[in-house]
C-alpha atoms as a PDB file:
ATOM      1  CA  UNK A   1     102.086  76.379 102.908  1.00  0.00           C
ATOM      2  CA  UNK A   2     100.390  78.200 105.768  1.00  0.00           C
ATOM      3  CA  UNK A   3      96.918  79.475 104.874  1.00  0.00           C
ATOM      4  CA  UNK A   4      93.975  80.672 106.918  1.00  0.00           C
ATOM      5  CA  UNK A   5      90.231  80.708 106.518  1.00  0.00           C
ATOM      6  CA  UNK A   6      87.741  83.334 107.681  1.00  0.00           C
ATOM      7  CA  UNK A   7      87.162  81.636 111.030  1.00  0.00           C
ATOM      8  CA  UNK A   8      90.818  82.077 111.977  1.00  0.00           C
ATOM      9  CA  UNK A   9      91.431  85.615 110.757  1.00  0.00           C
ATOM     10  CA  UNK A  10      93.292  88.154 112.825  1.00  0.00           C
ATOM     11  CA  UNK A  11      91.279  89.982 115.462  1.00  0.00           C
ATOM     12  CA  UNK A  12      93.964  92.469 116.525  1.00  0.00           C
ATOM     13  CA  UNK A  13      94.975  94.565 113.553  1.00  0.00           C
ATOM     14  CA  UNK A  14      98.657  95.302 113.890  1.00  0.00           C
ATOM     15  CA  UNK A  15     101.713  94.534 111.802  1.00  0.00           C
ATOM     16  CA  UNK A  16     103.104  91.868 114.149  1.00  0.00           C
ATOM     17  CA  UNK A  17      99.814  89.965 114.414  1.00  0.00           C
ATOM     18  CA  UNK A  18      99.246  89.913 110.654  1.00  0.00           C
ATOM     19  CA  UNK A  19     102.867  88.915 110.027  1.00  0.00           C
ATOM     20  CA  UNK A  20     102.547  86.005 112.474  1.00  0.00           C
ATOM     21  CA  UNK A  21      99.079  84.896 111.330  1.00  0.00           C
ATOM     22  CA  UNK A  22      99.623  84.668 107.552  1.00  0.00           C
ATOM     23  CA  UNK A  23     102.506  83.633 105.307  1.00  0.00           C
ATOM     24  CA  UNK A  24     104.290  86.697 103.875  1.00  0.00           C
ATOM     25  CA  UNK A  25     107.276  86.687 101.524  1.00  0.00           C
ATOM     26  CA  UNK A  26     109.691  89.664 101.563  1.00  0.00           C
ATOM     27  CA  UNK A  27     109.551  91.767  98.390  1.00  0.00           C
ATOM     28  CA  UNK A  28     112.992  91.891  96.781  1.00  0.00           C
ATOM     29  CA  UNK A  29     114.737  95.268  97.058  1.00  0.00           C
ATOM     30  CA  UNK A  30     111.832  96.713  99.080  1.00  0.00           C
ATOM     31  CA  UNK A  31     112.830  96.773 102.751  1.00  0.00           C
ATOM     32  CA  UNK A  32     109.859  96.565 105.087  1.00  0.00           C
ATOM     33  CA  UNK A  33     107.459  95.244 102.425  1.00  0.00           C
ATOM     34  CA  UNK A  34     106.001  91.734 102.177  1.00  0.00           C
ATOM     35  CA  UNK A  35     103.580  90.044  99.778  1.00  0.00           C
ATOM     36  CA  UNK A  36     100.925  87.570 100.926  1.00  0.00           C
ATOM     37  CA  UNK A  37     101.463  84.002  99.747  1.00  0.00           C
ATOM     38  CA  UNK A  38      98.029  82.383  99.606  1.00  0.00           C
ATOM     39  CA  UNK A  39      96.194  79.766  97.571  1.00  0.00           C
ATOM     40  CA  UNK A  40      93.195  82.052  96.962  1.00  0.00           C
ATOM     41  CA  UNK A  41      94.128  84.733  94.396  1.00  0.00           C
ATOM     42  CA  UNK A  42      90.798  86.503  95.013  1.00  0.00           C
ATOM     43  CA  UNK A  43      91.050  86.714  98.823  1.00  0.00           C
ATOM     44  CA  UNK A  44      89.328  89.962  99.869  1.00  0.00           C
ATOM     45  CA  UNK A  45      90.933  92.290 102.403  1.00  0.00           C
ATOM     46  CA  UNK A  46      88.121  91.683 104.887  1.00  0.00           C
ATOM     47  CA  UNK A  47      89.328  88.075 105.222  1.00  0.00           C
ATOM     48  CA  UNK A  48      92.682  89.351 106.494  1.00  0.00           C
ATOM     49  CA  UNK A  49      91.377  91.893 108.992  1.00  0.00           C
ATOM     50  CA  UNK A  50      88.061  92.094 110.833  1.00  0.00           C
ATOM     51  CA  UNK A  51      87.385  95.777 110.199  1.00  0.00           C
ATOM     52  CA  UNK A  52      88.240  97.580 106.991  1.00  0.00           C
ATOM     53  CA  UNK A  53      86.246 100.752 107.727  1.00  0.00           C
ATOM     54  CA  UNK A  54      89.420 102.856 107.571  1.00  0.00           C
ATOM     55  CA  UNK A  55      90.508 101.423 104.211  1.00  0.00           C
ATOM     56  CA  UNK A  56      90.572 103.873 101.311  1.00  0.00           C
ATOM     57  CA  UNK A  57      90.311 103.103  97.592  1.00  0.00           C
ATOM     58  CA  UNK A  58      92.546 104.862  95.091  1.00  0.00           C
ATOM     59  CA  UNK A  59      92.646 105.041  91.311  1.00  0.00           C
ATOM     60  CA  UNK A  60      96.240 105.905  90.420  1.00  0.00           C
ATOM     61  CA  UNK A  61      97.145 107.471  87.057  1.00  0.00           C
ATOM     62  CA  UNK A  62      99.336 105.041  85.153  1.00  0.00           C
ATOM     63  CA  UNK A  63      98.401 102.117  87.419  1.00  0.00           C
ATOM     64  CA  UNK A  64      95.882  99.684  85.960  1.00  0.00           C
ATOM     65  CA  UNK A  65      95.017  98.193  89.378  1.00  0.00           C
ATOM     66  CA  UNK A  66      92.755  99.742  92.002  1.00  0.00           C
ATOM     67  CA  UNK A  67      94.771 100.347  95.158  1.00  0.00           C
ATOM     68  CA  UNK A  68      93.270  99.835  98.626  1.00  0.00           C
ATOM     69  CA  UNK A  69      95.171 101.315 101.566  1.00  0.00           C
ATOM     70  CA  UNK A  70      94.628 100.379 105.205  1.00  0.00           C
ATOM     71  CA  UNK A  71      96.832 101.912 107.910  1.00  0.00           C
ATOM     72  CA  UNK A  72      97.386  99.612 110.887  1.00  0.00           C
ATOM     73  CA  UNK A  73      99.439  99.775 114.056  1.00  0.00           C
ATOM     74  CA  UNK A  74     103.077  99.340 113.043  1.00  0.00           C
ATOM     75  CA  UNK A  75     102.544  99.891 109.313  1.00  0.00           C
ATOM     76  CA  UNK A  76      99.839  99.273 106.758  1.00  0.00           C
ATOM     77  CA  UNK A  77      98.310  97.041 104.145  1.00  0.00           C
ATOM     78  CA  UNK A  78      98.312  97.986 100.480  1.00  0.00           C
ATOM     79  CA  UNK A  79      96.191  95.763  98.261  1.00  0.00           C
ATOM     80  CA  UNK A  80      96.079  95.839  94.480  1.00  0.00           C
ATOM     81  CA  UNK A  81      92.778  94.736  92.940  1.00  0.00           C
ATOM     82  CA  UNK A  82      93.248  93.665  89.342  1.00  0.00           C
ATOM     83  CA  UNK A  83      90.612  93.932  86.631  1.00  0.00           C
ATOM     84  CA  UNK A  84      90.305  90.127  86.524  1.00  0.00           C
ATOM     85  CA  UNK A  85      89.288  90.037  90.209  1.00  0.00           C
ATOM     86  CA  UNK A  86      92.564  88.773  91.614  1.00  0.00           C
ATOM     87  CA  UNK A  87      94.119  90.632  94.538  1.00  0.00           C
ATOM     88  CA  UNK A  88      97.717  91.159  95.610  1.00  0.00           C
ATOM     89  CA  UNK A  89      98.058  92.045  99.300  1.00  0.00           C
ATOM     90  CA  UNK A  90     101.186  93.647 100.718  1.00  0.00           C
ATOM     91  CA  UNK A  91     102.039  94.093 104.387  1.00  0.00           C
ATOM     92  CA  UNK A  92     104.315  96.999 105.167  1.00  0.00           C
ATOM     93  CA  UNK A  93     106.271  98.289 108.139  1.00  0.00           C
ATOM     94  CA  UNK A  94     105.781 101.984 108.969  1.00  0.00           C
ATOM     95  CA  UNK A  95     108.762 102.957 106.797  1.00  0.00           C
ATOM     96  CA  UNK A  96     107.819 100.633 103.933  1.00  0.00           C
ATOM     97  CA  UNK A  97     104.201 101.820 104.044  1.00  0.00           C
ATOM     98  CA  UNK A  98     105.038 105.524 103.924  1.00  0.00           C
ATOM     99  CA  UNK A  99     107.665 105.000 101.199  1.00  0.00           C
ATOM    100  CA  UNK A 100     105.239 103.075  98.963  1.00  0.00           C
ATOM    101  CA  UNK A 101     102.421 105.574  99.522  1.00  0.00           C
ATOM    102  CA  UNK A 102     104.785 108.351  98.453  1.00  0.00           C
ATOM    103  CA  UNK A 103     105.778 106.354  95.338  1.00  0.00           C
ATOM    104  CA  UNK A 104     102.086 105.919  94.488  1.00  0.00           C
ATOM    105  CA  UNK A 105     101.374 109.607  95.115  1.00  0.00           C
ATOM    106  CA  UNK A 106      98.958 108.872  97.963  1.00  0.00           C
ATOM    107  CA  UNK A 107      99.063 111.437 100.760  1.00  0.00           C
ATOM    108  CA  UNK A 108      98.226 110.703 104.341  1.00  0.00           C
ATOM    109  CA  UNK A 109      97.841 107.081 105.297  1.00  0.00           C
ATOM    110  CA  UNK A 110      99.566 107.711 108.602  1.00  0.00           C
ATOM    111  CA  UNK A 111      99.339 104.551 110.661  1.00  0.00           C
ATOM    112  CA  UNK A 112      97.371 104.904 113.897  1.00  0.00           C
ATOM    113  CA  UNK A 113      99.632 105.595 116.882  1.00  0.00           C
END
């Protein structure tokens, strides 16, 4: 299993770099969406990308997890922070990112061009 530590995290924040740097599994029936496969269930977003200043936190009605959204070149990251401290990170293409944001009722989140 391919894993990374903080010293080897991605320095260029774009879809292709994150996809190549970490191990992502496609999400069934969700084209353009991938889930991070990692040994650390509490891995914070800042370990994946060097700068999370543009990340936004969202409390979604009917969703028990806090949702963190970070647009990146070529798509975006959507992370779900559970009440027990574990985190599920998803990497999304532009289309997958916008589709999931719409499903969650989150407006904006347009990836930087």
